[in-house]
């Protein structure tokens, strides 16, 4: 019992200490047209794929021929947020006749 209380207390303390750090993380968001324009102008990225989430949000992948990429989440309000970026993007070509259209 004492050990469980110590474990729980430590977990609560660590969570309390981490909360301010998590609150400082800022996701870059703006109107979708502005974000897409910036991705194209500054990085030569174009949309390479997209899909809808169950909540009605649009998840889009933008990439350039040089390998830079951005994962964008667009809300029904018109606001879009960059949720991930990176480099070394490659495209895998899949036989379309084998794709079922269902999520993984």
C-alpha atoms as a PDB file:
ATOM      1  CA  UNK A   1       0.000   0.000   0.000  1.00  0.00           C
ATOM      2  CA  UNK A   2       2.817   2.385   0.921  1.00  0.00           C
ATOM      3  CA  UNK A   3       4.617   1.585  -2.318  1.00  0.00           C
ATOM      4  CA  UNK A   4       1.498   2.287  -4.415  1.00  0.00           C
ATOM      5  CA  UNK A   5       1.007   5.629  -2.695  1.00  0.00           C
ATOM      6  CA  UNK A   6       4.655   6.578  -3.328  1.00  0.00           C
ATOM      7  CA  UNK A   7       4.348   5.606  -7.012  1.00  0.00           C
ATOM      8  CA  UNK A   8       1.093   7.564  -7.385  1.00  0.00           C
ATOM      9  CA  UNK A   9       2.527  10.626  -5.609  1.00  0.00           C
ATOM     10  CA  UNK A  10       5.612  10.589  -7.806  1.00  0.00           C
ATOM     11  CA  UNK A  11       3.485  10.323 -10.963  1.00  0.00           C
ATOM     12  CA  UNK A  12       1.304  13.256  -9.878  1.00  0.00           C
ATOM     13  CA  UNK A  13       4.369  15.368  -9.064  1.00  0.00           C
ATOM     14  CA  UNK A  14       6.004  14.618 -12.426  1.00  0.00           C
ATOM     15  CA  UNK A  15       2.777  15.430 -14.277  1.00  0.00           C
ATOM     16  CA  UNK A  16       2.466  18.728 -12.417  1.00  0.00           C
ATOM     17  CA  UNK A  17       6.050  19.667 -13.271  1.00  0.00           C
ATOM     18  CA  UNK A  18       5.622  18.725 -16.941  1.00  0.00           C
ATOM     19  CA  UNK A  19       2.345  20.629 -17.438  1.00  0.00           C
ATOM     20  CA  UNK A  20       3.922  24.105 -17.840  1.00  0.00           C
ATOM     21  CA  UNK A  21       6.394  22.748 -20.410  1.00  0.00           C
ATOM     22  CA  UNK A  22       3.592  21.153 -22.420  1.00  0.00           C
ATOM     23  CA  UNK A  23       1.542  24.334 -22.278  1.00  0.00           C
ATOM     24  CA  UNK A  24       4.420  26.228 -23.938  1.00  0.00           C
ATOM     25  CA  UNK A  25       4.330  24.073 -27.087  1.00  0.00           C
ATOM     26  CA  UNK A  26       2.815  26.144 -29.874  1.00  0.00           C
ATOM     27  CA  UNK A  27       1.491  24.662 -33.067  1.00  0.00           C
ATOM     28  CA  UNK A  28       1.702  27.091 -36.007  1.00  0.00           C
ATOM     29  CA  UNK A  29      -1.847  27.778 -37.243  1.00  0.00           C
ATOM     30  CA  UNK A  30      -3.359  30.248 -39.706  1.00  0.00           C
ATOM     31  CA  UNK A  31      -6.002  30.457 -42.409  1.00  0.00           C
ATOM     32  CA  UNK A  32      -5.618  27.485 -44.766  1.00  0.00           C
ATOM     33  CA  UNK A  33      -5.054  29.553 -47.922  1.00  0.00           C
ATOM     34  CA  UNK A  34      -2.202  31.439 -46.248  1.00  0.00           C
ATOM     35  CA  UNK A  35      -0.527  28.248 -44.954  1.00  0.00           C
ATOM     36  CA  UNK A  36      -0.831  26.459 -48.309  1.00  0.00           C
ATOM     37  CA  UNK A  37       0.506  29.533 -50.122  1.00  0.00           C
ATOM     38  CA  UNK A  38       3.499  29.720 -47.809  1.00  0.00           C
ATOM     39  CA  UNK A  39       4.258  26.011 -48.216  1.00  0.00           C
ATOM     40  CA  UNK A  40       4.219  26.408 -51.999  1.00  0.00           C
ATOM     41  CA  UNK A  41       6.113  29.715 -52.149  1.00  0.00           C
ATOM     42  CA  UNK A  42       8.802  29.028 -49.531  1.00  0.00           C
ATOM     43  CA  UNK A  43       9.271  25.254 -49.876  1.00  0.00           C
ATOM     44  CA  UNK A  44       7.745  24.388 -53.282  1.00  0.00           C
ATOM     45  CA  UNK A  45       5.483  21.882 -51.494  1.00  0.00           C
ATOM     46  CA  UNK A  46       2.256  20.704 -53.093  1.00  0.00           C
ATOM     47  CA  UNK A  47      -0.502  18.492 -51.751  1.00  0.00           C
ATOM     48  CA  UNK A  48       0.394  14.824 -52.200  1.00  0.00           C
ATOM     49  CA  UNK A  49      -2.443  13.229 -50.241  1.00  0.00           C
ATOM     50  CA  UNK A  50      -5.378  13.911 -47.950  1.00  0.00           C
ATOM     51  CA  UNK A  51      -8.061  12.249 -45.862  1.00  0.00           C
ATOM     52  CA  UNK A  52     -10.908  13.103 -43.515  1.00  0.00           C
ATOM     53  CA  UNK A  53     -10.823  12.359 -39.801  1.00  0.00           C
ATOM     54  CA  UNK A  54     -13.953  11.082 -38.003  1.00  0.00           C
ATOM     55  CA  UNK A  55     -14.282  14.602 -36.527  1.00  0.00           C
ATOM     56  CA  UNK A  56     -14.517  16.152 -40.015  1.00  0.00           C
ATOM     57  CA  UNK A  57     -10.993  17.550 -40.062  1.00  0.00           C
ATOM     58  CA  UNK A  58      -8.917  17.394 -43.232  1.00  0.00           C
ATOM     59  CA  UNK A  59      -5.491  15.806 -42.830  1.00  0.00           C
ATOM     60  CA  UNK A  60      -3.190  16.754 -45.709  1.00  0.00           C
ATOM     61  CA  UNK A  61       0.337  15.865 -46.686  1.00  0.00           C
ATOM     62  CA  UNK A  62       2.335  18.437 -48.634  1.00  0.00           C
ATOM     63  CA  UNK A  63       5.753  17.557 -50.064  1.00  0.00           C
ATOM     64  CA  UNK A  64       8.344  18.903 -52.467  1.00  0.00           C
ATOM     65  CA  UNK A  65      10.447  17.130 -55.067  1.00  0.00           C
ATOM     66  CA  UNK A  66      13.471  17.939 -52.846  1.00  0.00           C
ATOM     67  CA  UNK A  67      12.008  15.813 -50.031  1.00  0.00           C
ATOM     68  CA  UNK A  68      10.678  18.415 -47.586  1.00  0.00           C
ATOM     69  CA  UNK A  69       7.210  17.621 -46.228  1.00  0.00           C
ATOM     70  CA  UNK A  70       4.514  19.089 -43.989  1.00  0.00           C
ATOM     71  CA  UNK A  71       1.536  17.402 -42.355  1.00  0.00           C
ATOM     72  CA  UNK A  72      -1.352  19.845 -42.123  1.00  0.00           C
ATOM     73  CA  UNK A  73      -4.589  19.517 -40.152  1.00  0.00           C
ATOM     74  CA  UNK A  74      -7.379  21.751 -41.471  1.00  0.00           C
ATOM     75  CA  UNK A  75     -10.462  22.429 -39.375  1.00  0.00           C
ATOM     76  CA  UNK A  76     -13.980  23.053 -40.715  1.00  0.00           C
ATOM     77  CA  UNK A  77     -13.542  26.678 -39.573  1.00  0.00           C
ATOM     78  CA  UNK A  78     -10.884  27.245 -42.266  1.00  0.00           C
ATOM     79  CA  UNK A  79      -8.000  27.299 -39.812  1.00  0.00           C
ATOM     80  CA  UNK A  80      -5.054  24.984 -40.567  1.00  0.00           C
ATOM     81  CA  UNK A  81      -2.281  23.833 -38.245  1.00  0.00           C
ATOM     82  CA  UNK A  82       1.103  22.360 -39.149  1.00  0.00           C
ATOM     83  CA  UNK A  83       1.375  19.283 -36.969  1.00  0.00           C
ATOM     84  CA  UNK A  84       4.626  17.829 -38.339  1.00  0.00           C
ATOM     85  CA  UNK A  85       7.405  18.715 -40.767  1.00  0.00           C
ATOM     86  CA  UNK A  86      10.454  16.924 -42.014  1.00  0.00           C
ATOM     87  CA  UNK A  87      12.725  15.942 -44.848  1.00  0.00           C
ATOM     88  CA  UNK A  88      13.751  12.971 -46.987  1.00  0.00           C
ATOM     89  CA  UNK A  89      10.192  12.301 -48.169  1.00  0.00           C
ATOM     90  CA  UNK A  90       9.847   9.563 -50.766  1.00  0.00           C
ATOM     91  CA  UNK A  91       6.779   8.348 -52.614  1.00  0.00           C
ATOM     92  CA  UNK A  92       5.931   4.656 -52.760  1.00  0.00           C
ATOM     93  CA  UNK A  93       4.008   3.693 -55.868  1.00  0.00           C
ATOM     94  CA  UNK A  94       1.327   1.103 -55.121  1.00  0.00           C
ATOM     95  CA  UNK A  95      -0.741  -0.829 -57.630  1.00  0.00           C
ATOM     96  CA  UNK A  96      -4.119   0.947 -57.323  1.00  0.00           C
ATOM     97  CA  UNK A  97      -5.990  -2.283 -58.042  1.00  0.00           C
ATOM     98  CA  UNK A  98      -4.695  -3.717 -54.746  1.00  0.00           C
ATOM     99  CA  UNK A  99      -5.765  -0.787 -52.562  1.00  0.00           C
ATOM    100  CA  UNK A 100      -9.041  -1.586 -50.797  1.00  0.00           C
ATOM    101  CA  UNK A 101      -9.944   1.976 -49.821  1.00  0.00           C
ATOM    102  CA  UNK A 102     -10.137   1.014 -46.150  1.00  0.00           C
ATOM    103  CA  UNK A 103      -7.992   2.460 -43.404  1.00  0.00           C
ATOM    104  CA  UNK A 104      -5.168   0.414 -41.958  1.00  0.00           C
END
